[in-house]
Amino acid sequence: MKKFQILIITSALFAISIIQTSCNSTVQNVDEEKEVKDTLDKFLRAFENGDFETMEASMTNDAYIFPRAIMSNDVKKPIENANYRRINGLDPQMKQVINSIRESGKQPPFMKLEPKDLKITMLKEAAIVTFHLENGKSLSRRTIVLAKNDDTWKIVHIHPSNVVSSE
């Protein structure tokens, strides 16, 4: 009988430790996901305000981006493939958009970026974030990959693409 009681107690303690580990992992994942979302929000608010320094500080030193491509039936000039190759750092097109708005005399925030259909996939030391931005006939799709280095989430890759409705 004594062996049976020890077995029951041991099993119960084991089950409790499994449940506690599982709960701690869930809390950690929720915290990590919030940190990723906060990093994304900081980057998007900086973009809205044309704050290139904060945008770059949200990225790793070796971060890269595919310049945004706009898929549309309204092609006005030939597409040059060289303009759409992977580059390090911020996309010059992103800076060009902000600078052209700034030159018009408008004050920040220059735009409002509200992610729709936000999905965050947490991996061990990385996160994949996807979302849409809607703007009239345009649907902007974004995939952003973040990595955790020294307890800080930073953007390592941005892949933007835009689709313009033919309607």
Foldseek 3Di string as FASTA:
>chain_A
DVVVVVVVVVVVVVVVVVVVVVVVVVVVVVVVVVQVVVLVVQLQQCLLQVVLVSNQVQADQFAKEFPEDEDDPPDPDDDDVVLGDIDGGDRVVSNVVVVVQVVVVDGPSSDDFDWAPWDWDDDDFKIWIWTWGDDVQKIKIKIWMWGADPNHIHTRYIYIYMYGDPD
